[in-house]
């Protein structure tokens, strides 16, 4: 990546699921806010982690979340390429 930028983790959620969260609220600025906590195993759609960090992170990820995790290489990518990556899980 250019400028020594290495992305870490990106979380993806389905908005339709989040709006049904019991502690979800709308403040007029953010599309939704979740108060107190968001249990990842219940609401996470996908998690994208830079392949560079796989060995350091994979043992920390709970089993029920790990099936929603993908590891992507950043080799030969510029920052905009990483931002535009589309995933299918």
Protein backbone atom coordinates (compact mmCIF):
# COMPACT_ATOMS: atom_id res chain seq x y z
CA UNK A 1 0.00 0.00 0.00
CA UNK A 2 1.15 3.50 -0.68
CA UNK A 3 2.42 5.83 2.03
CA UNK A 4 3.08 2.85 4.34
CA UNK A 5 -0.66 2.49 4.98
CA UNK A 6 -1.70 -1.04 5.89
CA UNK A 7 -5.41 -1.52 6.51
CA UNK A 8 -6.45 -3.60 9.47
CA UNK A 9 -10.04 -4.72 9.95
CA UNK A 10 -13.30 -3.75 8.28
CA UNK A 11 -16.66 -4.72 9.74
CA UNK A 12 -19.81 -5.06 7.62
CA UNK A 13 -23.35 -5.09 8.96
CA UNK A 14 -26.75 -5.31 7.30
CA UNK A 15 -28.63 -2.11 8.01
CA UNK A 16 -31.98 -3.92 8.10
CA UNK A 17 -30.69 -6.06 10.97
CA UNK A 18 -29.24 -3.12 12.88
CA UNK A 19 -32.46 -1.09 12.81
CA UNK A 20 -34.13 -3.96 14.68
CA UNK A 21 -31.54 -3.94 17.47
CA UNK A 22 -33.34 -3.40 20.81
CA UNK A 23 -30.97 -0.56 21.75
CA UNK A 24 -30.73 1.06 18.35
CA UNK A 25 -31.52 4.75 18.15
CA UNK A 26 -31.61 7.46 15.52
CA UNK A 27 -30.02 10.79 16.39
CA UNK A 28 -30.68 12.57 13.11
CA UNK A 29 -26.99 12.57 12.20
CA UNK A 30 -25.86 8.93 12.09
CA UNK A 31 -27.85 6.35 10.16
CA UNK A 32 -28.13 4.37 13.43
CA UNK A 33 -26.44 4.21 16.82
CA UNK A 34 -26.35 1.14 19.03
CA UNK A 35 -26.25 1.86 22.76
CA UNK A 36 -24.14 -0.17 25.20
CA UNK A 37 -23.12 -3.18 23.09
CA UNK A 38 -23.45 -4.95 19.79
CA UNK A 39 -22.97 -8.71 19.95
CA UNK A 40 -20.97 -9.47 16.84
CA UNK A 41 -22.12 -13.06 16.49
CA UNK A 42 -25.71 -11.82 16.18
CA UNK A 43 -25.24 -8.85 13.87
CA UNK A 44 -21.95 -9.13 11.96
CA UNK A 45 -22.39 -9.82 8.24
CA UNK A 46 -18.70 -9.96 7.36
CA UNK A 47 -15.31 -9.01 8.70
CA UNK A 48 -12.40 -8.37 6.35
CA UNK A 49 -8.90 -8.57 7.79
CA UNK A 50 -5.64 -7.85 6.02
CA UNK A 51 -3.98 -11.21 5.33
CA UNK A 52 -0.80 -9.82 6.90
CA UNK A 53 -2.46 -10.01 10.35
CA UNK A 54 -4.06 -13.45 10.02
CA UNK A 55 -1.57 -15.29 12.26
CA UNK A 56 -1.80 -12.65 14.99
CA UNK A 57 -5.58 -12.39 15.02
CA UNK A 58 -7.25 -15.65 13.98
CA UNK A 59 -6.86 -17.31 17.39
CA UNK A 60 -8.56 -14.31 19.05
CA UNK A 61 -11.71 -14.54 16.95
CA UNK A 62 -14.59 -16.48 18.54
CA UNK A 63 -15.69 -19.56 16.59
CA UNK A 64 -19.19 -18.21 15.97
CA UNK A 65 -17.69 -15.10 14.34
CA UNK A 66 -14.81 -16.79 12.48
CA UNK A 67 -17.05 -18.16 9.73
CA UNK A 68 -17.83 -14.55 8.77
CA UNK A 69 -14.17 -13.52 8.49
CA UNK A 70 -12.22 -13.30 5.26
CA UNK A 71 -8.54 -12.47 4.89
CA UNK A 72 -7.53 -10.40 1.87
CA UNK A 73 -4.08 -9.65 0.56
CA UNK A 74 -3.10 -6.02 0.12
CA UNK A 75 -0.26 -6.90 -2.23
CA UNK A 76 -0.07 -4.54 -5.21
CA UNK A 77 -3.04 -2.50 -4.01
CA UNK A 78 -3.33 1.20 -3.46
CA UNK A 79 -5.61 2.53 -0.73
CA UNK A 80 -8.52 3.12 -3.12
CA UNK A 81 -8.30 -0.48 -4.38
CA UNK A 82 -8.65 -1.76 -0.82
CA UNK A 83 -11.61 0.54 -0.19
CA UNK A 84 -13.30 -0.70 -3.37
CA UNK A 85 -12.81 -4.41 -2.66
CA UNK A 86 -16.11 -6.27 -2.81
CA UNK A 87 -16.60 -9.47 -0.91
CA UNK A 88 -19.06 -12.31 -1.14
CA UNK A 89 -19.68 -14.47 1.88
